[in-house]
């Protein structure tokens, strides 16, 4: 059973930093990509950042470019998101996402998308 566990959310003042972590565990064979989405109340879930394992390419959403920085610890199957210059519009639940190959209940390795439960980030003005 694959699990993605996020940590690091909380309440921060505008302009402040925050660091999120997401660790993937379970019978993982390989991780194709790993990153973060966010969803604010009344809004659709949007892509914040995604890193592709094969070439290390990192895509940032326009709203966070220059302020957020993603990194990966490949040995620990963990991704980090450094959030700087936060503003109230960044308030949302942040979800970790990974596309990975893992051992399924059928005993075969299959590729699928996995999600964490989310961590709340609240930025006060």
PDB file of N, CA and C in Angstrom:
ATOM      1  N   UNK A   1       0.843  -1.183   0.000  1.00  0.00           N
ATOM      2  CA  UNK A   1       0.000   0.000   0.000  1.00  0.00           C
ATOM      3  C   UNK A   1       0.887   1.245   0.000  1.00  0.00           C
ATOM      4  N   UNK A   2       0.714   2.074  -1.009  1.00  0.00           N
ATOM      5  CA  UNK A   2       1.511   3.295  -1.120  1.00  0.00           C
ATOM      6  C   UNK A   2       0.846   4.395  -0.321  1.00  0.00           C
ATOM      7  N   UNK A   3       1.654   5.152   0.377  1.00  0.00           N
ATOM      8  CA  UNK A   3       1.156   6.308   1.120  1.00  0.00           C
ATOM      9  C   UNK A   3       2.019   7.518   0.814  1.00  0.00           C
ATOM     10  N   UNK A   4       1.362   8.667   0.680  1.00  0.00           N
ATOM     11  CA  UNK A   4       2.048   9.938   0.582  1.00  0.00           C
ATOM     12  C   UNK A   4       1.656  10.723   1.823  1.00  0.00           C
ATOM     13  N   UNK A   5       2.639  11.109   2.612  1.00  0.00           N
ATOM     14  CA  UNK A   5       2.359  11.803   3.858  1.00  0.00           C
ATOM     15  C   UNK A   5       2.994  13.183   3.817  1.00  0.00           C
ATOM     16  N   UNK A   6       2.135  14.204   3.897  1.00  0.00           N
ATOM     17  CA  UNK A   6       2.595  15.587   3.871  1.00  0.00           C
ATOM     18  C   UNK A   6       2.797  16.109   5.284  1.00  0.00           C
ATOM     19  N   UNK A   7       3.660  17.097   5.400  1.00  0.00           N
ATOM     20  CA  UNK A   7       3.847  17.789   6.668  1.00  0.00           C
ATOM     21  C   UNK A   7       4.335  19.198   6.386  1.00  0.00           C
ATOM     22  N   UNK A   8       4.204  20.067   7.383  1.00  0.00           N
ATOM     23  CA  UNK A   8       4.774  21.397   7.282  1.00  0.00           C
ATOM     24  C   UNK A   8       3.799  22.530   7.067  1.00  0.00           C
ATOM     25  N   UNK A   9       2.530  22.233   6.885  1.00  0.00           N
ATOM     26  CA  UNK A   9       1.567  23.303   6.710  1.00  0.00           C
ATOM     27  C   UNK A   9       1.346  24.079   7.999  1.00  0.00           C
ATOM     28  N   UNK A  10       0.600  25.181   7.897  1.00  0.00           N
ATOM     29  CA  UNK A  10       0.312  25.961   9.085  1.00  0.00           C
ATOM     30  C   UNK A  10      -0.109  27.367   8.747  1.00  0.00           C
ATOM     31  N   UNK A  11      -0.095  28.203   9.769  1.00  0.00           N
ATOM     32  CA  UNK A  11      -0.478  29.611   9.643  1.00  0.00           C
ATOM     33  C   UNK A  11       0.777  30.457   9.601  1.00  0.00           C
ATOM     34  N   UNK A  12       0.847  31.358   8.627  1.00  0.00           N
ATOM     35  CA  UNK A  12       2.011  32.224   8.480  1.00  0.00           C
ATOM     36  C   UNK A  12       1.556  33.603   8.058  1.00  0.00           C
ATOM     37  N   UNK A  13       2.300  34.609   8.425  1.00  0.00           N
ATOM     38  CA  UNK A  13       1.970  35.973   8.020  1.00  0.00           C
ATOM     39  C   UNK A  13       2.416  36.230   6.586  1.00  0.00           C
ATOM     40  N   UNK A  14       1.746  37.130   5.947  1.00  0.00           N
ATOM     41  CA  UNK A  14       2.100  37.498   4.574  1.00  0.00           C
ATOM     42  C   UNK A  14       3.566  37.905   4.510  1.00  0.00           C
ATOM     43  N   UNK A  15       4.233  37.429   3.477  1.00  0.00           N
ATOM     44  CA  UNK A  15       5.651  37.698   3.314  1.00  0.00           C
ATOM     45  C   UNK A  15       6.550  36.651   3.922  1.00  0.00           C
ATOM     46  N   UNK A  16       5.965  35.812   4.763  1.00  0.00           N
ATOM     47  CA  UNK A  16       6.767  34.815   5.464  1.00  0.00           C
ATOM     48  C   UNK A  16       6.994  33.563   4.651  1.00  0.00           C
ATOM     49  N   UNK A  17       7.909  32.710   5.140  1.00  0.00           N
ATOM     50  CA  UNK A  17       8.204  31.448   4.469  1.00  0.00           C
ATOM     51  C   UNK A  17       7.526  30.262   5.161  1.00  0.00           C
ATOM     52  N   UNK A  18       7.470  29.178   4.429  1.00  0.00           N
ATOM     53  CA  UNK A  18       6.959  27.928   4.947  1.00  0.00           C
ATOM     54  C   UNK A  18       7.596  26.813   4.132  1.00  0.00           C
ATOM     55  N   UNK A  19       7.759  25.661   4.727  1.00  0.00           N
ATOM     56  CA  UNK A  19       8.345  24.539   4.009  1.00  0.00           C
ATOM     57  C   UNK A  19       7.473  23.307   4.175  1.00  0.00           C
ATOM     58  N   UNK A  20       7.087  22.733   3.070  1.00  0.00           N
ATOM     59  CA  UNK A  20       6.276  21.522   3.071  1.00  0.00           C
ATOM     60  C   UNK A  20       7.143  20.325   2.691  1.00  0.00           C
ATOM     61  N   UNK A  21       6.779  19.184   3.248  1.00  0.00           N
ATOM     62  CA  UNK A  21       7.462  17.931   2.903  1.00  0.00           C
ATOM     63  C   UNK A  21       6.422  16.882   2.546  1.00  0.00           C
ATOM     64  N   UNK A  22       6.822  15.966   1.696  1.00  0.00           N
ATOM     65  CA  UNK A  22       5.954  14.850   1.336  1.00  0.00           C
ATOM     66  C   UNK A  22       6.820  13.621   1.144  1.00  0.00           C
ATOM     67  N   UNK A  23       6.525  12.588   1.912  1.00  0.00           N
ATOM     68  CA  UNK A  23       7.288  11.352   1.824  1.00  0.00           C
ATOM     69  C   UNK A  23       6.403  10.235   1.293  1.00  0.00           C
ATOM     70  N   UNK A  24       6.890   9.542   0.293  1.00  0.00           N
ATOM     71  CA  UNK A  24       6.175   8.400  -0.272  1.00  0.00           C
ATOM     72  C   UNK A  24       6.747   7.113   0.314  1.00  0.00           C
ATOM     73  N   UNK A  25       5.853   6.208   0.685  1.00  0.00           N
ATOM     74  CA  UNK A  25       6.297   4.941   1.255  1.00  0.00           C
ATOM     75  C   UNK A  25       5.437   3.804   0.727  1.00  0.00           C
ATOM     76  N   UNK A  26       5.938   2.595   0.886  1.00  0.00           N
ATOM     77  CA  UNK A  26       5.224   1.417   0.401  1.00  0.00           C
ATOM     78  C   UNK A  26       6.088   0.631  -0.564  1.00  0.00           C
ATOM     79  N   UNK A  27       5.439  -0.272  -1.271  1.00  0.00           N
ATOM     80  CA  UNK A  27       6.165  -1.141  -2.208  1.00  0.00           C
ATOM     81  C   UNK A  27       6.370  -0.415  -3.542  1.00  0.00           C
ATOM     82  N   UNK A  28       7.204   0.603  -3.505  1.00  0.00           N
ATOM     83  CA  UNK A  28       7.440   1.465  -4.663  1.00  0.00           C
ATOM     84  C   UNK A  28       8.609   0.924  -5.480  1.00  0.00           C
ATOM     85  N   UNK A  29       8.391   0.795  -6.769  1.00  0.00           N
ATOM     86  CA  UNK A  29       9.471   0.369  -7.666  1.00  0.00           C
ATOM     87  C   UNK A  29      10.192   1.576  -8.229  1.00  0.00           C
ATOM     88  N   UNK A  30       9.407   2.564  -8.687  1.00  0.00           N
ATOM     89  CA  UNK A  30      10.012   3.771  -9.231  1.00  0.00           C
ATOM     90  C   UNK A  30       8.998   4.904  -9.194  1.00  0.00           C
ATOM     91  N   UNK A  31       9.522   6.130  -9.169  1.00  0.00           N
ATOM     92  CA  UNK A  31       8.678   7.321  -9.172  1.00  0.00           C
ATOM     93  C   UNK A  31       8.933   8.084 -10.457  1.00  0.00           C
ATOM     94  N   UNK A  32       7.876   8.298 -11.227  1.00  0.00           N
ATOM     95  CA  UNK A  32       8.003   8.996 -12.502  1.00  0.00           C
ATOM     96  C   UNK A  32       8.006  10.511 -12.303  1.00  0.00           C
ATOM     97  N   UNK A  33       7.154  10.994 -11.428  1.00  0.00           N
ATOM     98  CA  UNK A  33       7.079  12.419 -11.151  1.00  0.00           C
ATOM     99  C   UNK A  33       6.524  12.616  -9.749  1.00  0.00           C
ATOM    100  N   UNK A  34       6.829  13.787  -9.205  1.00  0.00           N
ATOM    101  CA  UNK A  34       6.382  14.087  -7.847  1.00  0.00           C
ATOM    102  C   UNK A  34       6.229  15.588  -7.730  1.00  0.00           C
ATOM    103  N   UNK A  35       5.143  16.021  -7.090  1.00  0.00           N
ATOM    104  CA  UNK A  35       4.943  17.447  -6.983  1.00  0.00           C
ATOM    105  C   UNK A  35       3.773  17.809  -6.101  1.00  0.00           C
ATOM    106  N   UNK A  36       3.266  19.024  -6.317  1.00  0.00           N
ATOM    107  CA  UNK A  36       2.238  19.572  -5.447  1.00  0.00           C
ATOM    108  C   UNK A  36       1.132  20.240  -6.254  1.00  0.00           C
ATOM    109  N   UNK A  37      -0.092  20.059  -5.757  1.00  0.00           N
ATOM    110  CA  UNK A  37      -1.246  20.802  -6.219  1.00  0.00           C
ATOM    111  C   UNK A  37      -1.789  21.554  -5.008  1.00  0.00           C
ATOM    112  N   UNK A  38      -2.661  22.504  -5.290  1.00  0.00           N
ATOM    113  CA  UNK A  38      -3.341  23.188  -4.190  1.00  0.00           C
ATOM    114  C   UNK A  38      -4.782  23.486  -4.581  1.00  0.00           C
ATOM    115  N   UNK A  39      -5.609  23.598  -3.555  1.00  0.00           N
ATOM    116  CA  UNK A  39      -7.014  23.903  -3.783  1.00  0.00           C
ATOM    117  C   UNK A  39      -7.496  24.863  -2.715  1.00  0.00           C
ATOM    118  N   UNK A  40      -7.920  26.026  -3.171  1.00  0.00           N
ATOM    119  CA  UNK A  40      -8.488  27.030  -2.284  1.00  0.00           C
ATOM    120  C   UNK A  40      -9.999  26.829  -2.217  1.00  0.00           C
ATOM    121  N   UNK A  41     -10.641  27.322  -1.165  1.00  0.00           N
ATOM    122  CA  UNK A  41     -12.105  27.165  -1.049  1.00  0.00           C
ATOM    123  C   UNK A  41     -12.817  27.748  -2.259  1.00  0.00           C
ATOM    124  N   UNK A  42     -13.706  26.977  -2.830  1.00  0.00           N
ATOM    125  CA  UNK A  42     -14.486  27.441  -3.975  1.00  0.00           C
ATOM    126  C   UNK A  42     -13.734  27.440  -5.289  1.00  0.00           C
ATOM    127  N   UNK A  43     -12.521  26.917  -5.293  1.00  0.00           N
ATOM    128  CA  UNK A  43     -11.714  26.920  -6.516  1.00  0.00           C
ATOM    129  C   UNK A  43     -11.346  25.497  -6.917  1.00  0.00           C
ATOM    130  N   UNK A  44     -10.943  25.366  -8.173  1.00  0.00           N
ATOM    131  CA  UNK A  44     -10.497  24.053  -8.634  1.00  0.00           C
ATOM    132  C   UNK A  44      -9.071  23.793  -8.161  1.00  0.00           C
ATOM    133  N   UNK A  45      -8.732  22.520  -8.105  1.00  0.00           N
ATOM    134  CA  UNK A  45      -7.365  22.162  -7.736  1.00  0.00           C
ATOM    135  C   UNK A  45      -6.431  22.600  -8.859  1.00  0.00           C
ATOM    136  N   UNK A  46      -5.336  23.246  -8.518  1.00  0.00           N
ATOM    137  CA  UNK A  46      -4.407  23.729  -9.522  1.00  0.00           C
ATOM    138  C   UNK A  46      -3.004  23.178  -9.263  1.00  0.00           C
ATOM    139  N   UNK A  47      -2.265  23.001 -10.344  1.00  0.00           N
ATOM    140  CA  UNK A  47      -0.898  22.506 -10.256  1.00  0.00           C
ATOM    141  C   UNK A  47       0.014  23.619  -9.756  1.00  0.00           C
ATOM    142  N   UNK A  48       0.781  23.314  -8.735  1.00  0.00           N
ATOM    143  CA  UNK A  48       1.749  24.261  -8.195  1.00  0.00           C
ATOM    144  C   UNK A  48       3.134  23.984  -8.777  1.00  0.00           C
ATOM    145  N   UNK A  49       3.578  22.751  -8.664  1.00  0.00           N
ATOM    146  CA  UNK A  49       4.903  22.385  -9.156  1.00  0.00           C
ATOM    147  C   UNK A  49       4.940  20.886  -9.389  1.00  0.00           C
ATOM    148  N   UNK A  50       5.713  20.476 -10.389  1.00  0.00           N
ATOM    149  CA  UNK A  50       5.885  19.060 -10.678  1.00  0.00           C
ATOM    150  C   UNK A  50       7.296  18.823 -11.172  1.00  0.00           C
ATOM    151  N   UNK A  51       7.950  17.799 -10.627  1.00  0.00           N
ATOM    152  CA  UNK A  51       9.305  17.448 -11.044  1.00  0.00           C
ATOM    153  C   UNK A  51       9.311  16.058 -11.660  1.00  0.00           C
ATOM    154  N   UNK A  52       9.916  15.950 -12.836  1.00  0.00           N
ATOM    155  CA  UNK A  52      10.026  14.663 -13.514  1.00  0.00           C
ATOM    156  C   UNK A  52      11.337  14.006 -13.116  1.00  0.00           C
ATOM    157  N   UNK A  53      11.260  12.763 -12.709  1.00  0.00           N
ATOM    158  CA  UNK A  53      12.449  12.086 -12.202  1.00  0.00           C
ATOM    159  C   UNK A  53      13.500  11.859 -13.276  1.00  0.00           C
ATOM    160  N   UNK A  54      13.095  11.497 -14.471  1.00  0.00           N
ATOM    161  CA  UNK A  54      14.039  11.072 -15.502  1.00  0.00           C
ATOM    162  C   UNK A  54      15.044  12.151 -15.867  1.00  0.00           C
ATOM    163  N   UNK A  55      14.580  13.402 -15.918  1.00  0.00           N
ATOM    164  CA  UNK A  55      15.488  14.476 -16.337  1.00  0.00           C
ATOM    165  C   UNK A  55      15.568  15.610 -15.334  1.00  0.00           C
ATOM    166  N   UNK A  56      14.832  15.492 -14.240  1.00  0.00           N
ATOM    167  CA  UNK A  56      14.884  16.526 -13.217  1.00  0.00           C
ATOM    168  C   UNK A  56      14.171  17.807 -13.588  1.00  0.00           C
ATOM    169  N   UNK A  57      13.444  17.781 -14.696  1.00  0.00           N
ATOM    170  CA  UNK A  57      12.736  18.991 -15.126  1.00  0.00           C
ATOM    171  C   UNK A  57      11.659  19.341 -14.112  1.00  0.00           C
ATOM    172  N   UNK A  58      11.597  20.615 -13.767  1.00  0.00           N
ATOM    173  CA  UNK A  58      10.607  21.094 -12.813  1.00  0.00           C
ATOM    174  C   UNK A  58       9.727  22.150 -13.469  1.00  0.00           C
ATOM    175  N   UNK A  59       8.427  21.915 -13.388  1.00  0.00           N
ATOM    176  CA  UNK A  59       7.457  22.877 -13.908  1.00  0.00           C
ATOM    177  C   UNK A  59       6.833  23.623 -12.734  1.00  0.00           C
ATOM    178  N   UNK A  60       6.787  24.944 -12.837  1.00  0.00           N
ATOM    179  CA  UNK A  60       6.139  25.764 -11.826  1.00  0.00           C
ATOM    180  C   UNK A  60       4.920  26.449 -12.426  1.00  0.00           C
ATOM    181  N   UNK A  61       3.844  26.482 -11.652  1.00  0.00           N
ATOM    182  CA  UNK A  61       2.682  27.240 -12.078  1.00  0.00           C
ATOM    183  C   UNK A  61       3.020  28.722 -12.089  1.00  0.00           C
ATOM    184  N   UNK A  62       2.346  29.481 -12.953  1.00  0.00           N
ATOM    185  CA  UNK A  62       2.646  30.906 -13.099  1.00  0.00           C
ATOM    186  C   UNK A  62       2.488  31.666 -11.793  1.00  0.00           C
ATOM    187  N   UNK A  63       1.541  31.272 -10.973  1.00  0.00           N
ATOM    188  CA  UNK A  63       1.254  32.012  -9.745  1.00  0.00           C
ATOM    189  C   UNK A  63       2.372  31.902  -8.708  1.00  0.00           C
ATOM    190  N   UNK A  64       3.248  30.900  -8.854  1.00  0.00           N
ATOM    191  CA  UNK A  64       4.260  30.674  -7.814  1.00  0.00           C
ATOM    192  C   UNK A  64       5.686  30.814  -8.333  1.00  0.00           C
ATOM    193  N   UNK A  65       5.845  31.043  -9.606  1.00  0.00           N
ATOM    194  CA  UNK A  65       7.192  31.168 -10.167  1.00  0.00           C
ATOM    195  C   UNK A  65       7.973  32.266  -9.466  1.00  0.00           C
ATOM    196  N   UNK A  66       9.209  31.957  -9.118  1.00  0.00           N
ATOM    197  CA  UNK A  66      10.068  32.931  -8.469  1.00  0.00           C
ATOM    198  C   UNK A  66       9.877  33.016  -6.960  1.00  0.00           C
ATOM    199  N   UNK A  67       8.830  32.374  -6.439  1.00  0.00           N
ATOM    200  CA  UNK A  67       8.575  32.422  -4.991  1.00  0.00           C
ATOM    201  C   UNK A  67       8.678  31.051  -4.350  1.00  0.00           C
ATOM    202  N   UNK A  68       8.278  30.027  -5.053  1.00  0.00           N
ATOM    203  CA  UNK A  68       8.303  28.657  -4.515  1.00  0.00           C
ATOM    204  C   UNK A  68       9.434  27.885  -5.172  1.00  0.00           C
ATOM    205  N   UNK A  69      10.049  26.994  -4.399  1.00  0.00           N
ATOM    206  CA  UNK A  69      11.122  26.164  -4.924  1.00  0.00           C
ATOM    207  C   UNK A  69      10.914  24.717  -4.485  1.00  0.00           C
ATOM    208  N   UNK A  70      10.908  23.828  -5.452  1.00  0.00           N
ATOM    209  CA  UNK A  70      10.748  22.400  -5.158  1.00  0.00           C
ATOM    210  C   UNK A  70      12.104  21.710  -5.184  1.00  0.00           C
ATOM    211  N   UNK A  71      12.220  20.676  -4.370  1.00  0.00           N
ATOM    212  CA  UNK A  71      13.428  19.852  -4.380  1.00  0.00           C
ATOM    213  C   UNK A  71      13.038  18.412  -4.080  1.00  0.00           C
ATOM    214  N   UNK A  72      13.929  17.500  -4.404  1.00  0.00           N
ATOM    215  CA  UNK A  72      13.655  16.075  -4.209  1.00  0.00           C
ATOM    216  C   UNK A  72      14.831  15.414  -3.516  1.00  0.00           C
ATOM    217  N   UNK A  73      14.509  14.489  -2.646  1.00  0.00           N
ATOM    218  CA  UNK A  73      15.498  13.566  -2.090  1.00  0.00           C
ATOM    219  C   UNK A  73      15.120  12.209  -2.665  1.00  0.00           C
ATOM    220  N   UNK A  74      15.816  11.816  -3.725  1.00  0.00           N
ATOM    221  CA  UNK A  74      15.431  10.610  -4.447  1.00  0.00           C
ATOM    222  C   UNK A  74      15.634   9.354  -3.602  1.00  0.00           C
ATOM    223  N   UNK A  75      16.624   9.363  -2.736  1.00  0.00           N
ATOM    224  CA  UNK A  75      16.889   8.187  -1.907  1.00  0.00           C
ATOM    225  C   UNK A  75      15.780   7.959  -0.889  1.00  0.00           C
ATOM    226  N   UNK A  76      15.141   9.054  -0.474  1.00  0.00           N
ATOM    227  CA  UNK A  76      14.098   8.962   0.550  1.00  0.00           C
ATOM    228  C   UNK A  76      12.692   9.043  -0.038  1.00  0.00           C
ATOM    229  N   UNK A  77      12.587   9.094  -1.356  1.00  0.00           N
ATOM    230  CA  UNK A  77      11.270   9.235  -2.017  1.00  0.00           C
ATOM    231  C   UNK A  77      10.493  10.401  -1.423  1.00  0.00           C
ATOM    232  N   UNK A  78      11.190  11.501  -1.252  1.00  0.00           N
ATOM    233  CA  UNK A  78      10.598  12.661  -0.592  1.00  0.00           C
ATOM    234  C   UNK A  78      10.749  13.897  -1.473  1.00  0.00           C
ATOM    235  N   UNK A  79       9.738  14.729  -1.450  1.00  0.00           N
ATOM    236  CA  UNK A  79       9.809  16.012  -2.127  1.00  0.00           C
ATOM    237  C   UNK A  79       9.534  17.121  -1.126  1.00  0.00           C
ATOM    238  N   UNK A  80      10.154  18.253  -1.354  1.00  0.00           N
ATOM    239  CA  UNK A  80      10.006  19.402  -0.480  1.00  0.00           C
ATOM    240  C   UNK A  80       9.530  20.592  -1.306  1.00  0.00           C
ATOM    241  N   UNK A  81       8.816  21.474  -0.666  1.00  0.00           N
ATOM    242  CA  UNK A  81       8.388  22.696  -1.318  1.00  0.00           C
ATOM    243  C   UNK A  81       8.666  23.854  -0.379  1.00  0.00           C
ATOM    244  N   UNK A  82       9.583  24.711  -0.792  1.00  0.00           N
ATOM    245  CA  UNK A  82       9.893  25.921  -0.033  1.00  0.00           C
ATOM    246  C   UNK A  82       9.004  27.040  -0.568  1.00  0.00           C
ATOM    247  N   UNK A  83       8.189  27.596   0.304  1.00  0.00           N
ATOM    248  CA  UNK A  83       7.261  28.662  -0.070  1.00  0.00           C
ATOM    249  C   UNK A  83       7.780  29.970   0.517  1.00  0.00           C
ATOM    250  N   UNK A  84       8.126  30.907  -0.332  1.00  0.00           N
ATOM    251  CA  UNK A  84       8.600  32.211   0.111  1.00  0.00           C
ATOM    252  C   UNK A  84       7.662  33.316  -0.372  1.00  0.00           C
ATOM    253  N   UNK A  85       7.788  34.470   0.255  1.00  0.00           N
ATOM    254  CA  UNK A  85       6.986  35.632  -0.127  1.00  0.00           C
ATOM    255  C   UNK A  85       5.506  35.271  -0.237  1.00  0.00           C
ATOM    256  N   UNK A  86       5.022  34.594   0.777  1.00  0.00           N
ATOM    257  CA  UNK A  86       3.641  34.132   0.751  1.00  0.00           C
ATOM    258  C   UNK A  86       2.675  35.311   0.825  1.00  0.00           C
ATOM    259  N   UNK A  87       1.550  35.177   0.175  1.00  0.00           N
ATOM    260  CA  UNK A  87       0.488  36.179   0.253  1.00  0.00           C
ATOM    261  C   UNK A  87      -0.836  35.456   0.509  1.00  0.00           C
ATOM    262  N   UNK A  88      -1.854  36.178   0.931  1.00  0.00           N
ATOM    263  CA  UNK A  88      -3.134  35.528   1.273  1.00  0.00           C
ATOM    264  C   UNK A  88      -3.719  34.684   0.147  1.00  0.00           C
ATOM    265  N   UNK A  89      -3.393  35.013  -1.108  1.00  0.00           N
ATOM    266  CA  UNK A  89      -3.903  34.238  -2.238  1.00  0.00           C
ATOM    267  C   UNK A  89      -3.285  32.831  -2.299  1.00  0.00           C
ATOM    268  N   UNK A  90      -2.239  32.603  -1.521  1.00  0.00           N
ATOM    269  CA  UNK A  90      -1.624  31.270  -1.466  1.00  0.00           C
ATOM    270  C   UNK A  90      -2.328  30.363  -0.465  1.00  0.00           C
ATOM    271  N   UNK A  91      -3.285  30.904   0.259  1.00  0.00           N
ATOM    272  CA  UNK A  91      -4.037  30.101   1.222  1.00  0.00           C
ATOM    273  C   UNK A  91      -4.809  28.999   0.503  1.00  0.00           C
ATOM    274  N   UNK A  92      -4.547  27.771   0.919  1.00  0.00           N
ATOM    275  CA  UNK A  92      -5.167  26.621   0.258  1.00  0.00           C
ATOM    276  C   UNK A  92      -4.753  25.349   0.985  1.00  0.00           C
ATOM    277  N   UNK A  93      -5.389  24.268   0.610  1.00  0.00           N
ATOM    278  CA  UNK A  93      -4.909  22.953   1.026  1.00  0.00           C
ATOM    279  C   UNK A  93      -3.929  22.485  -0.046  1.00  0.00           C
ATOM    280  N   UNK A  94      -2.750  22.114   0.366  1.00  0.00           N
ATOM    281  CA  UNK A  94      -1.709  21.685  -0.564  1.00  0.00           C
ATOM    282  C   UNK A  94      -1.638  20.156  -0.542  1.00  0.00           C
ATOM    283  N   UNK A  95      -1.752  19.582  -1.728  1.00  0.00           N
ATOM    284  CA  UNK A  95      -1.759  18.128  -1.877  1.00  0.00           C
ATOM    285  C   UNK A  95      -0.500  17.658  -2.590  1.00  0.00           C
ATOM    286  N   UNK A  96       0.121  16.648  -2.030  1.00  0.00           N
ATOM    287  CA  UNK A  96       1.251  16.009  -2.684  1.00  0.00           C
ATOM    288  C   UNK A  96       0.725  15.003  -3.710  1.00  0.00           C
ATOM    289  N   UNK A  97       1.382  14.947  -4.842  1.00  0.00           N
ATOM    290  CA  UNK A  97       0.996  14.013  -5.907  1.00  0.00           C
ATOM    291  C   UNK A  97       2.231  13.295  -6.421  1.00  0.00           C
ATOM    292  N   UNK A  98       2.077  12.019  -6.690  1.00  0.00           N
ATOM    293  CA  UNK A  98       3.183  11.265  -7.287  1.00  0.00           C
ATOM    294  C   UNK A  98       2.615  10.281  -8.308  1.00  0.00           C
ATOM    295  N   UNK A  99       3.265  10.199  -9.430  1.00  0.00           N
ATOM    296  CA  UNK A  99       2.950   9.151 -10.396  1.00  0.00           C
ATOM    297  C   UNK A  99       4.074   8.125 -10.286  1.00  0.00           C
ATOM    298  N   UNK A 100       3.719   6.939  -9.890  1.00  0.00           N
ATOM    299  CA  UNK A 100       4.756   5.969  -9.579  1.00  0.00           C
ATOM    300  C   UNK A 100       4.313   4.544  -9.887  1.00  0.00           C
ATOM    301  N   UNK A 101       5.287   3.680  -9.918  1.00  0.00           N
ATOM    302  CA  UNK A 101       5.043   2.252 -10.148  1.00  0.00           C
ATOM    303  C   UNK A 101       5.236   1.522  -8.819  1.00  0.00           C
ATOM    304  N   UNK A 102       4.216   0.781  -8.455  1.00  0.00           N
ATOM    305  CA  UNK A 102       4.257   0.079  -7.175  1.00  0.00           C
ATOM    306  C   UNK A 102       3.599  -1.287  -7.300  1.00  0.00           C
ATOM    307  N   UNK A 103       3.871  -2.113  -6.308  1.00  0.00           N
ATOM    308  CA  UNK A 103       3.309  -3.455  -6.277  1.00  0.00           C
ATOM    309  C   UNK A 103       1.831  -3.367  -5.902  1.00  0.00           C
ATOM    310  N   UNK A 104       0.973  -3.882  -6.778  1.00  0.00           N
ATOM    311  CA  UNK A 104      -0.461  -3.804  -6.530  1.00  0.00           C
ATOM    312  C   UNK A 104      -0.939  -5.045  -5.779  1.00  0.00           C
ATOM    313  N   UNK A 105      -2.216  -5.035  -5.430  1.00  0.00           N
ATOM    314  CA  UNK A 105      -2.785  -6.175  -4.715  1.00  0.00           C
ATOM    315  C   UNK A 105      -2.788  -7.456  -5.526  1.00  0.00           C
ATOM    316  N   UNK A 106      -2.707  -7.309  -6.850  1.00  0.00           N
ATOM    317  CA  UNK A 106      -2.692  -8.487  -7.722  1.00  0.00           C
ATOM    318  C   UNK A 106      -1.312  -9.116  -7.826  1.00  0.00           C
ATOM    319  N   UNK A 107      -0.338  -8.440  -7.200  1.00  0.00           N
ATOM    320  CA  UNK A 107       1.013  -8.985  -7.244  1.00  0.00           C
ATOM    321  C   UNK A 107       1.831  -8.497  -8.427  1.00  0.00           C
ATOM    322  N   UNK A 108       1.259  -7.565  -9.194  1.00  0.00           N
ATOM    323  CA  UNK A 108       1.950  -7.012 -10.351  1.00  0.00           C
ATOM    324  C   UNK A 108       2.321  -5.557 -10.063  1.00  0.00           C
ATOM    325  N   UNK A 109       3.357  -5.098 -10.723  1.00  0.00           N
ATOM    326  CA  UNK A 109       3.741  -3.699 -10.600  1.00  0.00           C
ATOM    327  C   UNK A 109       2.946  -2.888 -11.617  1.00  0.00           C
ATOM    328  N   UNK A 110       2.281  -1.866 -11.130  1.00  0.00           N
ATOM    329  CA  UNK A 110       1.482  -1.018 -12.016  1.00  0.00           C
ATOM    330  C   UNK A 110       1.795   0.448 -11.734  1.00  0.00           C
ATOM    331  N   UNK A 111       1.619   1.282 -12.769  1.00  0.00           N
ATOM    332  CA  UNK A 111       1.839   2.724 -12.637  1.00  0.00           C
ATOM    333  C   UNK A 111       0.510   3.408 -12.382  1.00  0.00           C
ATOM    334  N   UNK A 112       0.521   4.332 -11.436  1.00  0.00           N
ATOM    335  CA  UNK A 112      -0.721   5.017 -11.101  1.00  0.00           C
ATOM    336  C   UNK A 112      -0.406   6.339 -10.418  1.00  0.00           C
ATOM    337  N   UNK A 113      -1.437   7.171 -10.276  1.00  0.00           N
ATOM    338  CA  UNK A 113      -1.328   8.438  -9.558  1.00  0.00           C
ATOM    339  C   UNK A 113      -1.717   8.237  -8.102  1.00  0.00           C
ATOM    340  N   UNK A 114      -0.948   8.846  -7.204  1.00  0.00           N
ATOM    341  CA  UNK A 114      -1.238   8.772  -5.785  1.00  0.00           C
ATOM    342  C   UNK A 114      -1.277  10.179  -5.200  1.00  0.00           C
ATOM    343  N   UNK A 115      -2.119  10.328  -4.178  1.00  0.00           N
ATOM    344  CA  UNK A 115      -2.317  11.629  -3.546  1.00  0.00           C
ATOM    345  C   UNK A 115      -2.157  11.529  -2.045  1.00  0.00           C
ATOM    346  N   UNK A 116      -1.603  12.600  -1.459  1.00  0.00           N
ATOM    347  CA  UNK A 116      -1.611  12.724  -0.026  1.00  0.00           C
ATOM    348  C   UNK A 116      -2.959  13.256   0.437  1.00  0.00           C
ATOM    349  N   UNK A 117      -3.138  13.329   1.739  1.00  0.00           N
ATOM    350  CA  UNK A 117      -4.412  13.808   2.284  1.00  0.00           C
ATOM    351  C   UNK A 117      -4.498  15.316   2.282  1.00  0.00           C
ATOM    352  N   UNK A 118      -3.385  15.996   2.101  1.00  0.00           N
ATOM    353  CA  UNK A 118      -3.396  17.445   2.062  1.00  0.00           C
ATOM    354  C   UNK A 118      -2.946  18.075   3.363  1.00  0.00           C
ATOM    355  N   UNK A 119      -2.343  19.243   3.238  1.00  0.00           N
ATOM    356  CA  UNK A 119      -1.933  20.016   4.409  1.00  0.00           C
ATOM    357  C   UNK A 119      -2.352  21.463   4.203  1.00  0.00           C
ATOM    358  N   UNK A 120      -2.948  22.040   5.209  1.00  0.00           N
ATOM    359  CA  UNK A 120      -3.495  23.391   5.106  1.00  0.00           C
ATOM    360  C   UNK A 120      -2.393  24.434   5.246  1.00  0.00           C
ATOM    361  N   UNK A 121      -2.382  25.372   4.318  1.00  0.00           N
ATOM    362  CA  UNK A 121      -1.516  26.547   4.403  1.00  0.00           C
ATOM    363  C   UNK A 121      -2.428  27.774   4.462  1.00  0.00           C
ATOM    364  N   UNK A 122      -2.287  28.549   5.513  1.00  0.00           N
ATOM    365  CA  UNK A 122      -3.089  29.752   5.687  1.00  0.00           C
ATOM    366  C   UNK A 122      -2.162  30.944   5.848  1.00  0.00           C
ATOM    367  N   UNK A 123      -2.356  31.935   4.984  1.00  0.00           N
ATOM    368  CA  UNK A 123      -1.515  33.132   5.008  1.00  0.00           C
ATOM    369  C   UNK A 123      -2.372  34.301   5.456  1.00  0.00           C
ATOM    370  N   UNK A 124      -1.984  34.915   6.544  1.00  0.00           N
ATOM    371  CA  UNK A 124      -2.740  36.061   7.062  1.00  0.00           C
ATOM    372  C   UNK A 124      -2.138  37.368   6.554  1.00  0.00           C
ATOM    373  N   UNK A 125      -3.018  38.331   6.349  1.00  0.00           N
ATOM    374  CA  UNK A 125      -2.553  39.628   5.817  1.00  0.00           C
ATOM    375  C   UNK A 125      -2.150  40.574   6.935  1.00  0.00           C
TER     376      UNK A 125
END
